[in-house]
Amino acid sequence: MAYEYKVVQLREGLIGAKISGDKLQKLLNEHARKGWQLKAITSVDVKGRVGPGGVEGLLVTLERATG
C-alpha cells in the first residue's frame, strides 16, 4: 500500500502565544474528513515575519493511503 504525507505548520502569533487545543482539534478533524490521519506532532521555533526571532509552533504530519 502506498501513502502520501502532508505537513501543516501551526502558530498562533508573533508574540509566541500558545496554540489552542481547539485550533489543533479543528485542524485534525477537517483533515480526517478528507482521509488524513495524524502521524506526528513536532514542536518547532517558527521564524516570524518581523525580526530574527522565532515563535513556538507545531509541525503536524498527516498521512493517508493512496490508491
PDB file of N, CA and C in Angstrom:
ATOM      1  N   MET A   1       0.840  -1.176   0.000  1.00  0.00           N
ATOM      2  CA  MET A   1       0.000   0.000   0.000  1.00  0.00           C
ATOM      3  C   MET A   1       0.891   1.246   0.000  1.00  0.00           C
ATOM      4  N   ALA A   2       0.521   2.223  -0.786  1.00  0.00           N
ATOM      5  CA  ALA A   2       1.281   3.470  -0.865  1.00  0.00           C
ATOM      6  C   ALA A   2       0.626   4.537   0.018  1.00  0.00           C
ATOM      7  N   TYR A   3       1.432   5.474   0.492  1.00  0.00           N
ATOM      8  CA  TYR A   3       0.947   6.550   1.351  1.00  0.00           C
ATOM      9  C   TYR A   3       1.409   7.894   0.806  1.00  0.00           C
ATOM     10  N   GLU A   4       0.667   8.935   1.173  1.00  0.00           N
ATOM     11  CA  GLU A   4       1.118  10.286   0.910  1.00  0.00           C
ATOM     12  C   GLU A   4       1.082  11.037   2.231  1.00  0.00           C
ATOM     13  N   TYR A   5       1.887  12.091   2.306  1.00  0.00           N
ATOM     14  CA  TYR A   5       2.034  12.831   3.555  1.00  0.00           C
ATOM     15  C   TYR A   5       1.809  14.310   3.318  1.00  0.00           C
ATOM     16  N   LYS A   6       1.343  14.974   4.361  1.00  0.00           N
ATOM     17  CA  LYS A   6       1.137  16.412   4.342  1.00  0.00           C
ATOM     18  C   LYS A   6       1.678  16.949   5.654  1.00  0.00           C
ATOM     19  N   VAL A   7       2.407  18.063   5.603  1.00  0.00           N
ATOM     20  CA  VAL A   7       2.913  18.703   6.811  1.00  0.00           C
ATOM     21  C   VAL A   7       2.271  20.088   6.904  1.00  0.00           C
ATOM     22  N   VAL A   8       1.624  20.356   8.037  1.00  0.00           N
ATOM     23  CA  VAL A   8       0.950  21.630   8.265  1.00  0.00           C
ATOM     24  C   VAL A   8       1.666  22.349   9.403  1.00  0.00           C
ATOM     25  N   GLN A   9       2.000  23.613   9.186  1.00  0.00           N
ATOM     26  CA  GLN A   9       2.662  24.426  10.207  1.00  0.00           C
ATOM     27  C   GLN A   9       1.607  25.237  10.946  1.00  0.00           C
ATOM     28  N   LEU A  10       1.619  25.155  12.273  1.00  0.00           N
ATOM     29  CA  LEU A  10       0.692  25.921  13.107  1.00  0.00           C
ATOM     30  C   LEU A  10       1.466  26.870  13.990  1.00  0.00           C
ATOM     31  N   ARG A  11       0.970  28.096  14.098  1.00  0.00           N
ATOM     32  CA  ARG A  11       1.495  29.048  15.070  1.00  0.00           C
ATOM     33  C   ARG A  11       0.391  30.028  15.389  1.00  0.00           C
ATOM     34  N   GLU A  12       0.417  30.564  16.574  1.00  0.00           N
ATOM     35  CA  GLU A  12      -0.639  31.479  16.998  1.00  0.00           C
ATOM     36  C   GLU A  12      -0.327  32.919  16.638  1.00  0.00           C
ATOM     37  N   GLY A  13       0.902  33.358  16.850  1.00  0.00           N
ATOM     38  CA  GLY A  13       1.212  34.759  16.586  1.00  0.00           C
ATOM     39  C   GLY A  13       2.678  35.033  16.748  1.00  0.00           C
ATOM     40  N   LEU A  14       3.061  36.239  16.439  1.00  0.00           N
ATOM     41  CA  LEU A  14       4.469  36.615  16.510  1.00  0.00           C
ATOM     42  C   LEU A  14       4.923  36.842  17.949  1.00  0.00           C
ATOM     43  N   ILE A  15       4.001  36.926  18.878  1.00  0.00           N
ATOM     44  CA  ILE A  15       4.359  37.162  20.271  1.00  0.00           C
ATOM     45  C   ILE A  15       4.681  35.857  20.989  1.00  0.00           C
ATOM     46  N   GLY A  16       4.373  34.735  20.371  1.00  0.00           N
ATOM     47  CA  GLY A  16       4.664  33.447  20.992  1.00  0.00           C
ATOM     48  C   GLY A  16       3.510  32.896  21.794  1.00  0.00           C
ATOM     49  N   ALA A  17       2.288  33.330  21.473  1.00  0.00           N
ATOM     50  CA  ALA A  17       1.107  32.824  22.173  1.00  0.00           C
ATOM     51  C   ALA A  17       0.982  31.313  21.966  1.00  0.00           C
ATOM     52  N   LYS A  18       0.411  30.662  22.940  1.00  0.00           N
ATOM     53  CA  LYS A  18       0.248  29.208  22.870  1.00  0.00           C
ATOM     54  C   LYS A  18      -0.793  28.827  21.821  1.00  0.00           C
ATOM     55  N   ILE A  19      -0.590  27.688  21.199  1.00  0.00           N
ATOM     56  CA  ILE A  19      -1.542  27.158  20.232  1.00  0.00           C
ATOM     57  C   ILE A  19      -2.659  26.467  21.019  1.00  0.00           C
ATOM     58  N   SER A  20      -3.889  26.805  20.711  1.00  0.00           N
ATOM     59  CA  SER A  20      -5.009  26.266  21.479  1.00  0.00           C
ATOM     60  C   SER A  20      -5.329  24.835  21.056  1.00  0.00           C
ATOM     61  N   GLY A  21      -5.803  24.073  22.024  1.00  0.00           N
ATOM     62  CA  GLY A  21      -6.246  22.713  21.738  1.00  0.00           C
ATOM     63  C   GLY A  21      -7.412  22.705  20.768  1.00  0.00           C
ATOM     64  N   ASP A  22      -8.285  23.707  20.881  1.00  0.00           N
ATOM     65  CA  ASP A  22      -9.434  23.800  19.980  1.00  0.00           C
ATOM     66  C   ASP A  22      -8.992  23.976  18.534  1.00  0.00           C
ATOM     67  N   LYS A  23      -7.974  24.807  18.316  1.00  0.00           N
ATOM     68  CA  LYS A  23      -7.483  25.045  16.951  1.00  0.00           C
ATOM     69  C   LYS A  23      -6.882  23.762  16.375  1.00  0.00           C
ATOM     70  N   LEU A  24      -6.100  23.061  17.173  1.00  0.00           N
ATOM     71  CA  LEU A  24      -5.491  21.812  16.720  1.00  0.00           C
ATOM     72  C   LEU A  24      -6.565  20.765  16.444  1.00  0.00           C
ATOM     73  N   GLN A  25      -7.550  20.656  17.332  1.00  0.00           N
ATOM     74  CA  GLN A  25      -8.629  19.689  17.147  1.00  0.00           C
ATOM     75  C   GLN A  25      -9.407  19.982  15.868  1.00  0.00           C
ATOM     76  N   LYS A  26      -9.690  21.231  15.604  1.00  0.00           N
ATOM     77  CA  LYS A  26     -10.420  21.618  14.389  1.00  0.00           C
ATOM     78  C   LYS A  26      -9.619  21.227  13.142  1.00  0.00           C
ATOM     79  N   LEU A  27      -8.321  21.511  13.155  1.00  0.00           N
ATOM     80  CA  LEU A  27      -7.458  21.166  12.026  1.00  0.00           C
ATOM     81  C   LEU A  27      -7.448  19.651  11.781  1.00  0.00           C
ATOM     82  N   LEU A  28      -7.293  18.870  12.854  1.00  0.00           N
ATOM     83  CA  LEU A  28      -7.246  17.411  12.712  1.00  0.00           C
ATOM     84  C   LEU A  28      -8.564  16.861  12.195  1.00  0.00           C
ATOM     85  N   ASN A  29      -9.678  17.373  12.701  1.00  0.00           N
ATOM     86  CA  ASN A  29     -10.989  16.896  12.251  1.00  0.00           C
ATOM     87  C   ASN A  29     -11.263  17.264  10.801  1.00  0.00           C
ATOM     88  N   GLU A  30     -10.853  18.466  10.383  1.00  0.00           N
ATOM     89  CA  GLU A  30     -11.036  18.875   8.985  1.00  0.00           C
ATOM     90  C   GLU A  30     -10.281  17.942   8.045  1.00  0.00           C
ATOM     91  N   HIS A  31      -9.042  17.606   8.406  1.00  0.00           N
ATOM     92  CA  HIS A  31      -8.239  16.727   7.558  1.00  0.00           C
ATOM     93  C   HIS A  31      -8.708  15.275   7.634  1.00  0.00           C
ATOM     94  N   ALA A  32      -9.207  14.854   8.791  1.00  0.00           N
ATOM     95  CA  ALA A  32      -9.716  13.479   8.936  1.00  0.00           C
ATOM     96  C   ALA A  32     -10.889  13.227   7.996  1.00  0.00           C
ATOM     97  N   ARG A  33     -11.730  14.240   7.799  1.00  0.00           N
ATOM     98  CA  ARG A  33     -12.864  14.099   6.882  1.00  0.00           C
ATOM     99  C   ARG A  33     -12.409  13.868   5.444  1.00  0.00           C
ATOM    100  N   LYS A  34     -11.152  14.238   5.148  1.00  0.00           N
ATOM    101  CA  LYS A  34     -10.595  14.051   3.804  1.00  0.00           C
ATOM    102  C   LYS A  34      -9.686  12.822   3.736  1.00  0.00           C
ATOM    103  N   GLY A  35      -9.704  12.004   4.798  1.00  0.00           N
ATOM    104  CA  GLY A  35      -8.949  10.757   4.796  1.00  0.00           C
ATOM    105  C   GLY A  35      -7.568  10.826   5.423  1.00  0.00           C
ATOM    106  N   TRP A  36      -7.172  11.981   5.954  1.00  0.00           N
ATOM    107  CA  TRP A  36      -5.853  12.121   6.585  1.00  0.00           C
ATOM    108  C   TRP A  36      -5.923  11.668   8.038  1.00  0.00           C
ATOM    109  N   GLN A  37      -4.842  11.062   8.518  1.00  0.00           N
ATOM    110  CA  GLN A  37      -4.744  10.750   9.937  1.00  0.00           C
ATOM    111  C   GLN A  37      -3.419  11.260  10.469  1.00  0.00           C
ATOM    112  N   LEU A  38      -3.420  11.571  11.757  1.00  0.00           N
ATOM    113  CA  LEU A  38      -2.239  12.136  12.409  1.00  0.00           C
ATOM    114  C   LEU A  38      -1.120  11.113  12.453  1.00  0.00           C
ATOM    115  N   LYS A  39       0.061  11.526  12.022  1.00  0.00           N
ATOM    116  CA  LYS A  39       1.256  10.675  12.073  1.00  0.00           C
ATOM    117  C   LYS A  39       2.204  11.154  13.173  1.00  0.00           C
ATOM    118  N   ALA A  40       2.389  12.486  13.274  1.00  0.00           N
ATOM    119  CA  ALA A  40       3.312  13.030  14.275  1.00  0.00           C
ATOM    120  C   ALA A  40       3.041  14.509  14.503  1.00  0.00           C
ATOM    121  N   ILE A  41       3.396  14.990  15.689  1.00  0.00           N
ATOM    122  CA  ILE A  41       3.380  16.419  16.001  1.00  0.00           C
ATOM    123  C   ILE A  41       4.754  16.764  16.538  1.00  0.00           C
ATOM    124  N   THR A  42       5.372  17.794  15.962  1.00  0.00           N
ATOM    125  CA  THR A  42       6.708  18.212  16.359  1.00  0.00           C
ATOM    126  C   THR A  42       6.689  19.678  16.750  1.00  0.00           C
ATOM    127  N   SER A  43       7.239  20.002  17.903  1.00  0.00           N
ATOM    128  CA  SER A  43       7.344  21.386  18.349  1.00  0.00           C
ATOM    129  C   SER A  43       8.555  22.027  17.676  1.00  0.00           C
ATOM    130  N   VAL A  44       8.367  23.238  17.153  1.00  0.00           N
ATOM    131  CA  VAL A  44       9.452  23.930  16.454  1.00  0.00           C
ATOM    132  C   VAL A  44       9.409  25.411  16.766  1.00  0.00           C
ATOM    133  N   ASP A  45      10.520  26.095  16.510  1.00  0.00           N
ATOM    134  CA  ASP A  45      10.545  27.549  16.504  1.00  0.00           C
ATOM    135  C   ASP A  45      10.319  27.983  15.071  1.00  0.00           C
ATOM    136  N   VAL A  46       9.272  28.792  14.866  1.00  0.00           N
ATOM    137  CA  VAL A  46       8.909  29.241  13.531  1.00  0.00           C
ATOM    138  C   VAL A  46       9.340  30.688  13.394  1.00  0.00           C
ATOM    139  N   LYS A  47      10.086  30.991  12.335  1.00  0.00           N
ATOM    140  CA  LYS A  47      10.523  32.369  12.134  1.00  0.00           C
ATOM    141  C   LYS A  47       9.327  33.261  11.848  1.00  0.00           C
ATOM    142  N   GLY A  48       9.317  34.420  12.502  1.00  0.00           N
ATOM    143  CA  GLY A  48       8.261  35.398  12.281  1.00  0.00           C
ATOM    144  C   GLY A  48       8.547  36.252  11.062  1.00  0.00           C
ATOM    145  N   ARG A  49       7.606  37.083  10.715  1.00  0.00           N
ATOM    146  CA  ARG A  49       7.777  37.961   9.560  1.00  0.00           C
ATOM    147  C   ARG A  49       8.626  39.174   9.888  1.00  0.00           C
ATOM    148  N   VAL A  50       8.723  39.499  11.175  1.00  0.00           N
ATOM    149  CA  VAL A  50       9.466  40.687  11.579  1.00  0.00           C
ATOM    150  C   VAL A  50      10.612  40.275  12.493  1.00  0.00           C
ATOM    151  N   GLY A  51      11.819  40.681  12.168  1.00  0.00           N
ATOM    152  CA  GLY A  51      12.965  40.431  13.034  1.00  0.00           C
ATOM    153  C   GLY A  51      13.481  39.005  12.968  1.00  0.00           C
ATOM    154  N   PRO A  52      14.605  38.761  13.632  1.00  0.00           N
ATOM    155  CA  PRO A  52      15.269  37.456  13.565  1.00  0.00           C
ATOM    156  C   PRO A  52      14.686  36.412  14.505  1.00  0.00           C
ATOM    157  N   GLY A  53      13.875  36.816  15.487  1.00  0.00           N
ATOM    158  CA  GLY A  53      13.362  35.877  16.482  1.00  0.00           C
ATOM    159  C   GLY A  53      12.325  34.938  15.908  1.00  0.00           C
ATOM    160  N   GLY A  54      12.025  33.913  16.669  1.00  0.00           N
ATOM    161  CA  GLY A  54      11.011  32.958  16.244  1.00  0.00           C
ATOM    162  C   GLY A  54       9.917  32.849  17.276  1.00  0.00           C
ATOM    163  N   VAL A  55       8.862  32.166  16.925  1.00  0.00           N
ATOM    164  CA  VAL A  55       7.769  31.882  17.852  1.00  0.00           C
ATOM    165  C   VAL A  55       7.598  30.370  17.922  1.00  0.00           C
ATOM    166  N   GLU A  56       7.018  29.926  19.014  1.00  0.00           N
ATOM    167  CA  GLU A  56       6.773  28.498  19.139  1.00  0.00           C
ATOM    168  C   GLU A  56       5.658  28.093  18.191  1.00  0.00           C
ATOM    169  N   GLY A  57       5.826  26.954  17.590  1.00  0.00           N
ATOM    170  CA  GLY A  57       4.810  26.453  16.681  1.00  0.00           C
ATOM    171  C   GLY A  57       4.842  24.940  16.650  1.00  0.00           C
ATOM    172  N   LEU A  58       3.977  24.378  15.833  1.00  0.00           N
ATOM    173  CA  LEU A  58       3.902  22.932  15.671  1.00  0.00           C
ATOM    174  C   LEU A  58       3.962  22.583  14.195  1.00  0.00           C
ATOM    175  N   LEU A  59       4.639  21.494  13.899  1.00  0.00           N
ATOM    176  CA  LEU A  59       4.536  20.875  12.589  1.00  0.00           C
ATOM    177  C   LEU A  59       3.699  19.628  12.780  1.00  0.00           C
ATOM    178  N   VAL A  60       2.571  19.573  12.093  1.00  0.00           N
ATOM    179  CA  VAL A  60       1.652  18.447  12.196  1.00  0.00           C
ATOM    180  C   VAL A  60       1.801  17.622  10.923  1.00  0.00           C
ATOM    181  N   THR A  61       2.248  16.372  11.062  1.00  0.00           N
ATOM    182  CA  THR A  61       2.424  15.489   9.914  1.00  0.00           C
ATOM    183  C   THR A  61       1.226  14.561   9.817  1.00  0.00           C
ATOM    184  N   LEU A  62       0.616  14.567   8.628  1.00  0.00           N
ATOM    185  CA  LEU A  62      -0.579  13.759   8.384  1.00  0.00           C
ATOM    186  C   LEU A  62      -0.268  12.731   7.305  1.00  0.00           C
ATOM    187  N   GLU A  63      -0.975  11.608   7.351  1.00  0.00           N
ATOM    188  CA  GLU A  63      -0.746  10.503   6.415  1.00  0.00           C
ATOM    189  C   GLU A  63      -2.088   9.991   5.919  1.00  0.00           C
ATOM    190  N   ARG A  64      -2.126   9.582   4.646  1.00  0.00           N
ATOM    191  CA  ARG A  64      -3.297   8.861   4.138  1.00  0.00           C
ATOM    192  C   ARG A  64      -2.860   7.894   3.055  1.00  0.00           C
ATOM    193  N   ALA A  65      -3.607   6.822   2.941  1.00  0.00           N
ATOM    194  CA  ALA A  65      -3.328   5.805   1.932  1.00  0.00           C
ATOM    195  C   ALA A  65      -3.751   6.333   0.563  1.00  0.00           C
ATOM    196  N   THR A  66      -2.995   5.966  -0.462  1.00  0.00           N
ATOM    197  CA  THR A  66      -3.345   6.329  -1.837  1.00  0.00           C
ATOM    198  C   THR A  66      -3.705   5.055  -2.583  1.00  0.00           C
ATOM    199  N   GLY A  67      -4.550   5.240  -3.569  1.00  0.00           N
ATOM    200  CA  GLY A  67      -4.938   4.119  -4.444  1.00  0.00           C
ATOM    201  C   GLY A  67      -5.377   2.950  -3.703  1.00  0.00           C
TER     202      GLY A  67
END
